Each structure stands twice: as structure tokens, then as C-alpha cells.
Amino acid sequence: MREEALEKAEQEIFFSPEKNNVLFASAIDNWAFSIRSFAPKIASKFGMNPFALEKFLWGKFYYIVSDKKVVKNPPSAESQEMFVSFIMKPVVQQYRQIFNIESTSNT
């Protein structure tokens, strides 16, 4: 029982983006964001509750646009996790635009 309590306590202090205790940042370019900072923008675009959406923006979750549904299993081989689709791709695209970088991959 003591080991279970210790393990639970450790889980509470671990850093994890879905707990909103992790920032993604660039000190060189002077920016940072968390899952929570992106959730309202994405939620308004898709008509979702931002607080509920936060739980799905990190991990193996996929959004099916046609069904307006979040699922755990990728609907197709080309499916990307919600973090990649809704956060990383837009960040990378903005970087490429700002720094005039040509795309060499599908990222």
C-alpha cells in the first residue's frame, strides 16, 4: 500500500503537457506556449469546450473533422495526433513563413 501511495505522489509531480505544467519554448526566438494557451483558439475554430479539449491535445488522440469527434485510434494511416495537427503544424508553418524557409517535408 505504501508503494502505491508513493507512486501516486510521484505521478502528481511529474511534468506532463496535459497537466499544463510544461511549456514549449524557444529562448532564442523569445516565445513559449502551453497546451492551455492553444486550446481556446482551437476550440473556437471547431466549436468545442476549451477545457475539455485540453485533455485531448496531448497523447494518442485524433480528431475526425467530418464526425466532429475525438478518437483514440487513428482513423487512417495518414492520421496525425491532435497535438501535431492543431499545434505543431501551425507553429512550423508560421516559422517557415516568418523565416522564409521552404518546405522540404510534410511537417
PDB file of N, CA and C in Angstrom:
ATOM      1  N   MET A   1       0.821  -1.197   0.000  1.00  0.00           N
ATOM      2  CA  MET A   1       0.000   0.000   0.000  1.00  0.00           C
ATOM      3  C   MET A   1       0.872   1.271   0.000  1.00  0.00           C
ATOM      4  N   ARG A   2       1.972   1.222   0.736  1.00  0.00           N
ATOM      5  CA  ARG A   2       2.863   2.371   0.795  1.00  0.00           C
ATOM      6  C   ARG A   2       3.475   2.664  -0.571  1.00  0.00           C
ATOM      7  N   GLU A   3       3.818   1.612  -1.328  1.00  0.00           N
ATOM      8  CA  GLU A   3       4.370   1.799  -2.663  1.00  0.00           C
ATOM      9  C   GLU A   3       3.359   2.456  -3.587  1.00  0.00           C
ATOM     10  N   GLU A   4       2.095   2.086  -3.459  1.00  0.00           N
ATOM     11  CA  GLU A   4       1.040   2.687  -4.288  1.00  0.00           C
ATOM     12  C   GLU A   4       0.899   4.172  -3.981  1.00  0.00           C
ATOM     13  N   ALA A   5       0.957   4.523  -2.706  1.00  0.00           N
ATOM     14  CA  ALA A   5       0.853   5.924  -2.306  1.00  0.00           C
ATOM     15  C   ALA A   5       2.042   6.715  -2.832  1.00  0.00           C
ATOM     16  N   LEU A   6       3.231   6.125  -2.755  1.00  0.00           N
ATOM     17  CA  LEU A   6       4.432   6.785  -3.264  1.00  0.00           C
ATOM     18  C   LEU A   6       4.345   6.974  -4.774  1.00  0.00           C
ATOM     19  N   GLU A   7       3.878   5.955  -5.474  1.00  0.00           N
ATOM     20  CA  GLU A   7       3.737   6.046  -6.929  1.00  0.00           C
ATOM     21  C   GLU A   7       2.719   7.119  -7.311  1.00  0.00           C
ATOM     22  N   LYS A   8       1.618   7.195  -6.581  1.00  0.00           N
ATOM     23  CA  LYS A   8       0.600   8.219  -6.854  1.00  0.00           C
ATOM     24  C   LYS A   8       1.184   9.617  -6.633  1.00  0.00           C
ATOM     25  N   ALA A   9       1.940   9.785  -5.548  1.00  0.00           N
ATOM     26  CA  ALA A   9       2.562  11.078  -5.256  1.00  0.00           C
ATOM     27  C   ALA A   9       3.542  11.468  -6.349  1.00  0.00           C
ATOM     28  N   GLU A  10       4.311  10.498  -6.834  1.00  0.00           N
ATOM     29  CA  GLU A  10       5.250  10.776  -7.914  1.00  0.00           C
ATOM     30  C   GLU A  10       4.522  11.201  -9.176  1.00  0.00           C
ATOM     31  N   GLN A  11       3.430  10.546  -9.498  1.00  0.00           N
ATOM     32  CA  GLN A  11       2.655  10.882 -10.699  1.00  0.00           C
ATOM     33  C   GLN A  11       2.135  12.316 -10.638  1.00  0.00           C
ATOM     34  N   GLU A  12       1.796  12.779  -9.441  1.00  0.00           N
ATOM     35  CA  GLU A  12       1.267  14.135  -9.286  1.00  0.00           C
ATOM     36  C   GLU A  12       2.316  15.199  -9.569  1.00  0.00           C
ATOM     37  N   ILE A  13       3.599  14.889  -9.340  1.00  0.00           N
ATOM     38  CA  ILE A  13       4.630  15.908  -9.540  1.00  0.00           C
ATOM     39  C   ILE A  13       5.340  15.802 -10.890  1.00  0.00           C
ATOM     40  N   PHE A  14       5.104  14.737 -11.635  1.00  0.00           N
ATOM     41  CA  PHE A  14       5.733  14.598 -12.946  1.00  0.00           C
ATOM     42  C   PHE A  14       5.258  15.699 -13.881  1.00  0.00           C
ATOM     43  N   PHE A  15       6.169  16.140 -14.734  1.00  0.00           N
ATOM     44  CA  PHE A  15       5.804  17.121 -15.735  1.00  0.00           C
ATOM     45  C   PHE A  15       5.076  16.425 -16.871  1.00  0.00           C
ATOM     46  N   SER A  16       3.989  17.043 -17.305  1.00  0.00           N
ATOM     47  CA  SER A  16       3.193  16.454 -18.369  1.00  0.00           C
ATOM     48  C   SER A  16       2.378  17.561 -19.033  1.00  0.00           C
ATOM     49  N   PRO A  17       2.466  17.705 -20.348  1.00  0.00           N
ATOM     50  CA  PRO A  17       1.752  18.780 -21.031  1.00  0.00           C
ATOM     51  C   PRO A  17       0.248  18.819 -20.738  1.00  0.00           C
ATOM     52  N   GLU A  18      -0.387  17.653 -20.596  1.00  0.00           N
ATOM     53  CA  GLU A  18      -1.825  17.670 -20.348  1.00  0.00           C
ATOM     54  C   GLU A  18      -2.165  18.166 -18.943  1.00  0.00           C
ATOM     55  N   LYS A  19      -1.181  18.219 -18.054  1.00  0.00           N
ATOM     56  CA  LYS A  19      -1.388  18.796 -16.723  1.00  0.00           C
ATOM     57  C   LYS A  19      -1.136  20.305 -16.738  1.00  0.00           C
ATOM     58  N   ASN A  20      -0.755  20.820 -17.869  1.00  0.00           N
ATOM     59  CA  ASN A  20      -0.449  22.241 -18.060  1.00  0.00           C
ATOM     60  C   ASN A  20       0.721  22.698 -17.182  1.00  0.00           C
ATOM     61  N   ASN A  21       1.681  21.800 -16.972  1.00  0.00           N
ATOM     62  CA  ASN A  21       2.875  22.183 -16.224  1.00  0.00           C
ATOM     63  C   ASN A  21       4.132  22.097 -17.103  1.00  0.00           C
ATOM     64  N   VAL A  22       3.914  22.134 -18.419  1.00  0.00           N
ATOM     65  CA  VAL A  22       5.013  22.095 -19.396  1.00  0.00           C
ATOM     66  C   VAL A  22       4.809  23.231 -20.395  1.00  0.00           C
ATOM     67  N   LEU A  23       5.872  23.930 -20.671  1.00  0.00           N
ATOM     68  CA  LEU A  23       5.854  24.944 -21.728  1.00  0.00           C
ATOM     69  C   LEU A  23       6.761  24.487 -22.858  1.00  0.00           C
ATOM     70  N   PHE A  24       6.348  24.724 -24.070  1.00  0.00           N
ATOM     71  CA  PHE A  24       7.165  24.518 -25.256  1.00  0.00           C
ATOM     72  C   PHE A  24       7.713  25.898 -25.569  1.00  0.00           C
ATOM     73  N   ALA A  25       9.030  26.009 -25.707  1.00  0.00           N
ATOM     74  CA  ALA A  25       9.610  27.349 -25.796  1.00  0.00           C
ATOM     75  C   ALA A  25      10.839  27.405 -26.686  1.00  0.00           C
ATOM     76  N   SER A  26      11.128  28.640 -27.113  1.00  0.00           N
ATOM     77  CA  SER A  26      12.375  28.945 -27.797  1.00  0.00           C
ATOM     78  C   SER A  26      12.943  30.212 -27.160  1.00  0.00           C
ATOM     79  N   ALA A  27      14.028  30.060 -26.427  1.00  0.00           N
ATOM     80  CA  ALA A  27      14.665  31.215 -25.805  1.00  0.00           C
ATOM     81  C   ALA A  27      15.296  32.122 -26.860  1.00  0.00           C
ATOM     82  N   ILE A  28      15.796  31.507 -27.923  1.00  0.00           N
ATOM     83  CA  ILE A  28      16.428  32.288 -28.992  1.00  0.00           C
ATOM     84  C   ILE A  28      15.415  33.189 -29.680  1.00  0.00           C
ATOM     85  N   ASP A  29      14.240  32.652 -29.952  1.00  0.00           N
ATOM     86  CA  ASP A  29      13.217  33.414 -30.674  1.00  0.00           C
ATOM     87  C   ASP A  29      12.201  34.082 -29.751  1.00  0.00           C
ATOM     88  N   ASN A  30      12.376  33.892 -28.443  1.00  0.00           N
ATOM     89  CA  ASN A  30      11.583  34.599 -27.439  1.00  0.00           C
ATOM     90  C   ASN A  30      10.087  34.286 -27.500  1.00  0.00           C
ATOM     91  N   TRP A  31       9.739  33.021 -27.454  1.00  0.00           N
ATOM     92  CA  TRP A  31       8.339  32.634 -27.390  1.00  0.00           C
ATOM     93  C   TRP A  31       8.179  31.368 -26.556  1.00  0.00           C
ATOM     94  N   ALA A  32       6.971  31.171 -26.081  1.00  0.00           N
ATOM     95  CA  ALA A  32       6.629  29.960 -25.345  1.00  0.00           C
ATOM     96  C   ALA A  32       5.124  29.761 -25.409  1.00  0.00           C
ATOM     97  N   PHE A  33       4.703  28.517 -25.309  1.00  0.00           N
ATOM     98  CA  PHE A  33       3.271  28.232 -25.248  1.00  0.00           C
ATOM     99  C   PHE A  33       3.049  26.951 -24.465  1.00  0.00           C
ATOM    100  N   SER A  34       1.833  26.807 -23.996  1.00  0.00           N
ATOM    101  CA  SER A  34       1.405  25.586 -23.324  1.00  0.00           C
ATOM    102  C   SER A  34       0.200  25.042 -24.080  1.00  0.00           C
ATOM    103  N   ILE A  35      -0.190  23.856 -23.739  1.00  0.00           N
ATOM    104  CA  ILE A  35      -1.406  23.283 -24.325  1.00  0.00           C
ATOM    105  C   ILE A  35      -2.583  24.215 -24.035  1.00  0.00           C
ATOM    106  N   ARG A  36      -2.637  24.715 -22.801  1.00  0.00           N
ATOM    107  CA  ARG A  36      -3.751  25.586 -22.394  1.00  0.00           C
ATOM    108  C   ARG A  36      -3.811  26.865 -23.227  1.00  0.00           C
ATOM    109  N   SER A  37      -2.669  27.386 -23.648  1.00  0.00           N
ATOM    110  CA  SER A  37      -2.685  28.630 -24.423  1.00  0.00           C
ATOM    111  C   SER A  37      -3.228  28.417 -25.832  1.00  0.00           C
ATOM    112  N   PHE A  38      -3.122  27.219 -26.364  1.00  0.00           N
ATOM    113  CA  PHE A  38      -3.649  26.926 -27.702  1.00  0.00           C
ATOM    114  C   PHE A  38      -5.108  26.479 -27.672  1.00  0.00           C
ATOM    115  N   ALA A  39      -5.533  25.865 -26.605  1.00  0.00           N
ATOM    116  CA  ALA A  39      -6.875  25.257 -26.541  1.00  0.00           C
ATOM    117  C   ALA A  39      -8.014  26.221 -26.907  1.00  0.00           C
ATOM    118  N   PRO A  40      -8.055  27.453 -26.391  1.00  0.00           N
ATOM    119  CA  PRO A  40      -9.170  28.342 -26.751  1.00  0.00           C
ATOM    120  C   PRO A  40      -9.241  28.658 -28.247  1.00  0.00           C
ATOM    121  N   LYS A  41      -8.088  28.835 -28.882  1.00  0.00           N
ATOM    122  CA  LYS A  41      -8.070  29.138 -30.315  1.00  0.00           C
ATOM    123  C   LYS A  41      -8.620  27.966 -31.126  1.00  0.00           C
ATOM    124  N   ILE A  42      -8.176  26.776 -30.780  1.00  0.00           N
ATOM    125  CA  ILE A  42      -8.629  25.579 -31.493  1.00  0.00           C
ATOM    126  C   ILE A  42     -10.102  25.322 -31.200  1.00  0.00           C
ATOM    127  N   ALA A  43     -10.474  25.465 -29.943  1.00  0.00           N
ATOM    128  CA  ALA A  43     -11.862  25.208 -29.530  1.00  0.00           C
ATOM    129  C   ALA A  43     -12.835  26.130 -30.250  1.00  0.00           C
ATOM    130  N   SER A  44     -12.484  27.400 -30.382  1.00  0.00           N
ATOM    131  CA  SER A  44     -13.403  28.330 -31.054  1.00  0.00           C
ATOM    132  C   SER A  44     -13.543  27.992 -32.535  1.00  0.00           C
ATOM    133  N   LYS A  45     -12.466  27.514 -33.131  1.00  0.00           N
ATOM    134  CA  LYS A  45     -12.493  27.145 -34.548  1.00  0.00           C
ATOM    135  C   LYS A  45     -13.410  25.943 -34.806  1.00  0.00           C
ATOM    136  N   PHE A  46     -13.432  25.011 -33.861  1.00  0.00           N
ATOM    137  CA  PHE A  46     -14.209  23.784 -34.053  1.00  0.00           C
ATOM    138  C   PHE A  46     -15.458  23.711 -33.175  1.00  0.00           C
ATOM    139  N   GLY A  47     -15.783  24.776 -32.455  1.00  0.00           N
ATOM    140  CA  GLY A  47     -16.974  24.794 -31.617  1.00  0.00           C
ATOM    141  C   GLY A  47     -16.899  23.814 -30.455  1.00  0.00           C
ATOM    142  N   MET A  48     -15.737  23.774 -29.799  1.00  0.00           N
ATOM    143  CA  MET A  48     -15.532  22.852 -28.680  1.00  0.00           C
ATOM    144  C   MET A  48     -15.377  23.617 -27.373  1.00  0.00           C
ATOM    145  N   ASN A  49     -15.473  22.892 -26.279  1.00  0.00           N
ATOM    146  CA  ASN A  49     -15.196  23.443 -24.964  1.00  0.00           C
ATOM    147  C   ASN A  49     -13.674  23.426 -24.781  1.00  0.00           C
ATOM    148  N   PRO A  50     -13.025  24.583 -24.557  1.00  0.00           N
ATOM    149  CA  PRO A  50     -11.564  24.609 -24.472  1.00  0.00           C
ATOM    150  C   PRO A  50     -10.999  23.791 -23.316  1.00  0.00           C
ATOM    151  N   PHE A  51     -11.697  23.745 -22.187  1.00  0.00           N
ATOM    152  CA  PHE A  51     -11.199  22.986 -21.045  1.00  0.00           C
ATOM    153  C   PHE A  51     -11.282  21.485 -21.304  1.00  0.00           C
ATOM    154  N   ALA A  52     -12.305  21.049 -21.987  1.00  0.00           N
ATOM    155  CA  ALA A  52     -12.422  19.635 -22.350  1.00  0.00           C
ATOM    156  C   ALA A  52     -11.387  19.294 -23.420  1.00  0.00           C
ATOM    157  N   LEU A  53     -11.182  20.196 -24.353  1.00  0.00           N
ATOM    158  CA  LEU A  53     -10.229  19.971 -25.444  1.00  0.00           C
ATOM    159  C   LEU A  53      -8.801  19.789 -24.943  1.00  0.00           C
ATOM    160  N   GLU A  54      -8.420  20.518 -23.896  1.00  0.00           N
ATOM    161  CA  GLU A  54      -7.062  20.423 -23.344  1.00  0.00           C
ATOM    162  C   GLU A  54      -6.646  18.981 -23.064  1.00  0.00           C
ATOM    163  N   LYS A  55      -7.573  18.185 -22.613  1.00  0.00           N
ATOM    164  CA  LYS A  55      -7.281  16.797 -22.252  1.00  0.00           C
ATOM    165  C   LYS A  55      -6.888  15.944 -23.459  1.00  0.00           C
ATOM    166  N   PHE A  56      -7.262  16.390 -24.645  1.00  0.00           N
ATOM    167  CA  PHE A  56      -7.018  15.603 -25.857  1.00  0.00           C
ATOM    168  C   PHE A  56      -5.891  16.141 -26.732  1.00  0.00           C
ATOM    169  N   LEU A  57      -5.316  17.265 -26.355  1.00  0.00           N
ATOM    170  CA  LEU A  57      -4.281  17.868 -27.190  1.00  0.00           C
ATOM    171  C   LEU A  57      -2.893  17.290 -26.958  1.00  0.00           C
ATOM    172  N   TRP A  58      -2.775  16.357 -26.043  1.00  0.00           N
ATOM    173  CA  TRP A  58      -1.508  15.673 -25.833  1.00  0.00           C
ATOM    174  C   TRP A  58      -1.782  14.189 -25.714  1.00  0.00           C
ATOM    175  N   GLY A  59      -1.048  13.398 -26.446  1.00  0.00           N
ATOM    176  CA  GLY A  59      -1.229  11.954 -26.388  1.00  0.00           C
ATOM    177  C   GLY A  59      -1.773  11.414 -27.700  1.00  0.00           C
ATOM    178  N   LYS A  60      -2.184  10.190 -27.666  1.00  0.00           N
ATOM    179  CA  LYS A  60      -2.665   9.486 -28.865  1.00  0.00           C
ATOM    180  C   LYS A  60      -4.159   9.737 -29.060  1.00  0.00           C
ATOM    181  N   PHE A  61      -4.497  10.954 -29.448  1.00  0.00           N
ATOM    182  CA  PHE A  61      -5.880  11.323 -29.736  1.00  0.00           C
ATOM    183  C   PHE A  61      -5.942  11.907 -31.141  1.00  0.00           C
ATOM    184  N   TYR A  62      -6.996  11.591 -31.827  1.00  0.00           N
ATOM    185  CA  TYR A  62      -7.174  12.008 -33.219  1.00  0.00           C
ATOM    186  C   TYR A  62      -8.537  12.649 -33.361  1.00  0.00           C
ATOM    187  N   TYR A  63      -8.630  13.653 -34.229  1.00  0.00           N
ATOM    188  CA  TYR A  63      -9.900  14.340 -34.453  1.00  0.00           C
ATOM    189  C   TYR A  63     -10.415  14.003 -35.842  1.00  0.00           C
ATOM    190  N   ILE A  64     -11.648  13.541 -35.884  1.00  0.00           N
ATOM    191  CA  ILE A  64     -12.295  13.259 -37.162  1.00  0.00           C
ATOM    192  C   ILE A  64     -13.181  14.461 -37.484  1.00  0.00           C
ATOM    193  N   VAL A  65     -12.750  15.254 -38.436  1.00  0.00           N
ATOM    194  CA  VAL A  65     -13.430  16.502 -38.780  1.00  0.00           C
ATOM    195  C   VAL A  65     -14.862  16.241 -39.229  1.00  0.00           C
ATOM    196  N   SER A  66     -15.058  15.258 -40.099  1.00  0.00           N
ATOM    197  CA  SER A  66     -16.399  15.001 -40.645  1.00  0.00           C
ATOM    198  C   SER A  66     -17.401  14.607 -39.567  1.00  0.00           C
ATOM    199  N   ASP A  67     -16.950  13.921 -38.533  1.00  0.00           N
ATOM    200  CA  ASP A  67     -17.842  13.488 -37.450  1.00  0.00           C
ATOM    201  C   ASP A  67     -17.792  14.417 -36.243  1.00  0.00           C
ATOM    202  N   LYS A  68     -16.851  15.379 -36.260  1.00  0.00           N
ATOM    203  CA  LYS A  68     -16.623  16.270 -35.122  1.00  0.00           C
ATOM    204  C   LYS A  68     -16.449  15.447 -33.848  1.00  0.00           C
ATOM    205  N   LYS A  69     -15.483  14.526 -33.922  1.00  0.00           N
ATOM    206  CA  LYS A  69     -15.324  13.551 -32.865  1.00  0.00           C
ATOM    207  C   LYS A  69     -13.843  13.288 -32.587  1.00  0.00           C
ATOM    208  N   VAL A  70     -13.500  13.142 -31.301  1.00  0.00           N
ATOM    209  CA  VAL A  70     -12.151  12.781 -30.882  1.00  0.00           C
ATOM    210  C   VAL A  70     -12.128  11.276 -30.646  1.00  0.00           C
ATOM    211  N   VAL A  71     -11.109  10.609 -31.205  1.00  0.00           N
ATOM    212  CA  VAL A  71     -10.982   9.157 -31.048  1.00  0.00           C
ATOM    213  C   VAL A  71      -9.564   8.804 -30.610  1.00  0.00           C
ATOM    214  N   LYS A  72      -9.416   7.613 -30.029  1.00  0.00           N
ATOM    215  CA  LYS A  72      -8.100   7.151 -29.571  1.00  0.00           C
ATOM    216  C   LYS A  72      -7.329   6.408 -30.656  1.00  0.00           C
ATOM    217  N   ASN A  73      -8.015   5.821 -31.599  1.00  0.00           N
ATOM    218  CA  ASN A  73      -7.358   5.068 -32.660  1.00  0.00           C
ATOM    219  C   ASN A  73      -7.327   5.898 -33.935  1.00  0.00           C
ATOM    220  N   PRO A  74      -6.186   5.901 -34.619  1.00  0.00           N
ATOM    221  CA  PRO A  74      -6.108   6.698 -35.855  1.00  0.00           C
ATOM    222  C   PRO A  74      -7.114   6.190 -36.888  1.00  0.00           C
ATOM    223  N   PRO A  75      -7.930   7.088 -37.431  1.00  0.00           N
ATOM    224  CA  PRO A  75      -8.922   6.679 -38.426  1.00  0.00           C
ATOM    225  C   PRO A  75      -8.318   6.206 -39.738  1.00  0.00           C
ATOM    226  N   SER A  76      -7.095   6.644 -40.030  1.00  0.00           N
ATOM    227  CA  SER A  76      -6.424   6.194 -41.255  1.00  0.00           C
ATOM    228  C   SER A  76      -4.919   6.184 -41.018  1.00  0.00           C
ATOM    229  N   ALA A  77      -4.197   5.622 -41.941  1.00  0.00           N
ATOM    230  CA  ALA A  77      -2.736   5.536 -41.815  1.00  0.00           C
ATOM    231  C   ALA A  77      -2.086   6.924 -41.844  1.00  0.00           C
ATOM    232  N   GLU A  78      -2.746   7.886 -42.482  1.00  0.00           N
ATOM    233  CA  GLU A  78      -2.201   9.238 -42.594  1.00  0.00           C
ATOM    234  C   GLU A  78      -2.581  10.135 -41.420  1.00  0.00           C
ATOM    235  N   SER A  79      -3.413   9.656 -40.522  1.00  0.00           N
ATOM    236  CA  SER A  79      -3.889  10.472 -39.400  1.00  0.00           C
ATOM    237  C   SER A  79      -2.740  10.909 -38.503  1.00  0.00           C
ATOM    238  N   GLN A  80      -2.843  12.147 -38.045  1.00  0.00           N
ATOM    239  CA  GLN A  80      -1.847  12.683 -37.125  1.00  0.00           C
ATOM    240  C   GLN A  80      -2.523  12.993 -35.795  1.00  0.00           C
ATOM    241  N   GLU A  81      -1.762  12.844 -34.720  1.00  0.00           N
ATOM    242  CA  GLU A  81      -2.289  13.154 -33.403  1.00  0.00           C
ATOM    243  C   GLU A  81      -2.714  14.618 -33.360  1.00  0.00           C
ATOM    244  N   MET A  82      -3.648  14.922 -32.485  1.00  0.00           N
ATOM    245  CA  MET A  82      -4.190  16.274 -32.403  1.00  0.00           C
ATOM    246  C   MET A  82      -3.109  17.312 -32.105  1.00  0.00           C
ATOM    247  N   PHE A  83      -2.130  16.982 -31.266  1.00  0.00           N
ATOM    248  CA  PHE A  83      -1.052  17.919 -30.974  1.00  0.00           C
ATOM    249  C   PHE A  83      -0.308  18.304 -32.247  1.00  0.00           C
ATOM    250  N   VAL A  84      -0.042  17.322 -33.076  1.00  0.00           N
ATOM    251  CA  VAL A  84       0.668  17.576 -34.331  1.00  0.00           C
ATOM    252  C   VAL A  84      -0.209  18.393 -35.275  1.00  0.00           C
ATOM    253  N   SER A  85      -1.447  17.965 -35.453  1.00  0.00           N
ATOM    254  CA  SER A  85      -2.350  18.628 -36.397  1.00  0.00           C
ATOM    255  C   SER A  85      -2.690  20.055 -35.997  1.00  0.00           C
ATOM    256  N   PHE A  86      -3.026  20.250 -34.730  1.00  0.00           N
ATOM    257  CA  PHE A  86      -3.562  21.534 -34.290  1.00  0.00           C
ATOM    258  C   PHE A  86      -2.538  22.496 -33.704  1.00  0.00           C
ATOM    259  N   ILE A  87      -1.374  21.982 -33.292  1.00  0.00           N
ATOM    260  CA  ILE A  87      -0.389  22.861 -32.658  1.00  0.00           C
ATOM    261  C   ILE A  87       0.930  22.882 -33.426  1.00  0.00           C
ATOM    262  N   MET A  88       1.565  21.732 -33.585  1.00  0.00           N
ATOM    263  CA  MET A  88       2.890  21.729 -34.211  1.00  0.00           C
ATOM    264  C   MET A  88       2.874  22.152 -35.673  1.00  0.00           C
ATOM    265  N   LYS A  89       1.938  21.638 -36.445  1.00  0.00           N
ATOM    266  CA  LYS A  89       1.907  22.044 -37.861  1.00  0.00           C
ATOM    267  C   LYS A  89       1.740  23.552 -38.020  1.00  0.00           C
ATOM    268  N   PRO A  90       0.784  24.179 -37.303  1.00  0.00           N
ATOM    269  CA  PRO A  90       0.669  25.638 -37.425  1.00  0.00           C
ATOM    270  C   PRO A  90       1.915  26.388 -36.950  1.00  0.00           C
ATOM    271  N   VAL A  91       2.561  25.908 -35.894  1.00  0.00           N
ATOM    272  CA  VAL A  91       3.783  26.560 -35.406  1.00  0.00           C
ATOM    273  C   VAL A  91       4.885  26.457 -36.457  1.00  0.00           C
ATOM    274  N   VAL A  92       5.067  25.279 -37.017  1.00  0.00           N
ATOM    275  CA  VAL A  92       6.090  25.078 -38.049  1.00  0.00           C
ATOM    276  C   VAL A  92       5.782  25.929 -39.280  1.00  0.00           C
ATOM    277  N   GLN A  93       4.514  25.985 -39.682  1.00  0.00           N
ATOM    278  CA  GLN A  93       4.136  26.803 -40.845  1.00  0.00           C
ATOM    279  C   GLN A  93       4.437  28.272 -40.596  1.00  0.00           C
ATOM    280  N   GLN A  94       4.145  28.753 -39.381  1.00  0.00           N
ATOM    281  CA  GLN A  94       4.442  30.154 -39.070  1.00  0.00           C
ATOM    282  C   GLN A  94       5.942  30.414 -39.112  1.00  0.00           C
ATOM    283  N   TYR A  95       6.716  29.511 -38.557  1.00  0.00           N
ATOM    284  CA  TYR A  95       8.166  29.642 -38.605  1.00  0.00           C
ATOM    285  C   TYR A  95       8.648  29.737 -40.041  1.00  0.00           C
ATOM    286  N   ARG A  96       8.147  28.863 -40.870  1.00  0.00           N
ATOM    287  CA  ARG A  96       8.582  28.866 -42.274  1.00  0.00           C
ATOM    288  C   ARG A  96       8.230  30.183 -42.956  1.00  0.00           C
ATOM    289  N   GLN A  97       7.051  30.722 -42.651  1.00  0.00           N
ATOM    290  CA  GLN A  97       6.655  31.999 -43.251  1.00  0.00           C
ATOM    291  C   GLN A  97       7.532  33.134 -42.735  1.00  0.00           C
ATOM    292  N   ILE A  98       7.721  33.179 -41.442  1.00  0.00           N
ATOM    293  CA  ILE A  98       8.492  34.270 -40.821  1.00  0.00           C
ATOM    294  C   ILE A  98       9.941  34.253 -41.305  1.00  0.00           C
ATOM    295  N   PHE A  99      10.539  33.078 -41.354  1.00  0.00           N
ATOM    296  CA  PHE A  99      11.961  32.973 -41.700  1.00  0.00           C
ATOM    297  C   PHE A  99      12.185  32.588 -43.166  1.00  0.00           C
ATOM    298  N   ASN A 100      11.101  32.604 -43.942  1.00  0.00           N
ATOM    299  CA  ASN A 100      11.198  32.331 -45.373  1.00  0.00           C
ATOM    300  C   ASN A 100      11.884  30.997 -45.651  1.00  0.00           C
ATOM    301  N   ILE A 101      11.467  29.966 -44.965  1.00  0.00           N
ATOM    302  CA  ILE A 101      12.028  28.637 -45.130  1.00  0.00           C
ATOM    303  C   ILE A 101      11.126  27.828 -46.045  1.00  0.00           C
ATOM    304  N   GLU A 102      11.715  27.234 -47.065  1.00  0.00           N
ATOM    305  CA  GLU A 102      10.924  26.398 -47.962  1.00  0.00           C
ATOM    306  C   GLU A 102      10.660  25.049 -47.327  1.00  0.00           C
ATOM    307  N   SER A 103       9.493  24.531 -47.562  1.00  0.00           N
ATOM    308  CA  SER A 103       9.118  23.242 -47.006  1.00  0.00           C
ATOM    309  C   SER A 103       9.812  22.117 -47.759  1.00  0.00           C
ATOM    310  N   THR A 104      10.436  21.204 -47.004  1.00  0.00           N
ATOM    311  CA  THR A 104      11.071  20.049 -47.631  1.00  0.00           C
ATOM    312  C   THR A 104      10.427  18.749 -47.168  1.00  0.00           C
ATOM    313  N   SER A 105       9.428  18.876 -46.277  1.00  0.00           N
ATOM    314  CA  SER A 105       8.723  17.690 -45.784  1.00  0.00           C
ATOM    315  C   SER A 105       7.250  18.016 -45.614  1.00  0.00           C
ATOM    316  N   ASN A 106       6.487  17.052 -45.148  1.00  0.00           N
ATOM    317  CA  ASN A 106       5.053  17.243 -44.931  1.00  0.00           C
ATOM    318  C   ASN A 106       4.742  17.763 -43.542  1.00  0.00           C
ATOM    319  N   THR A 107       5.722  18.116 -42.766  1.00  0.00           N
ATOM    320  CA  THR A 107       5.518  18.582 -41.400  1.00  0.00           C
ATOM    321  C   THR A 107       4.857  19.923 -41.369  1.00  0.00           C
TER     322      THR A 107
END
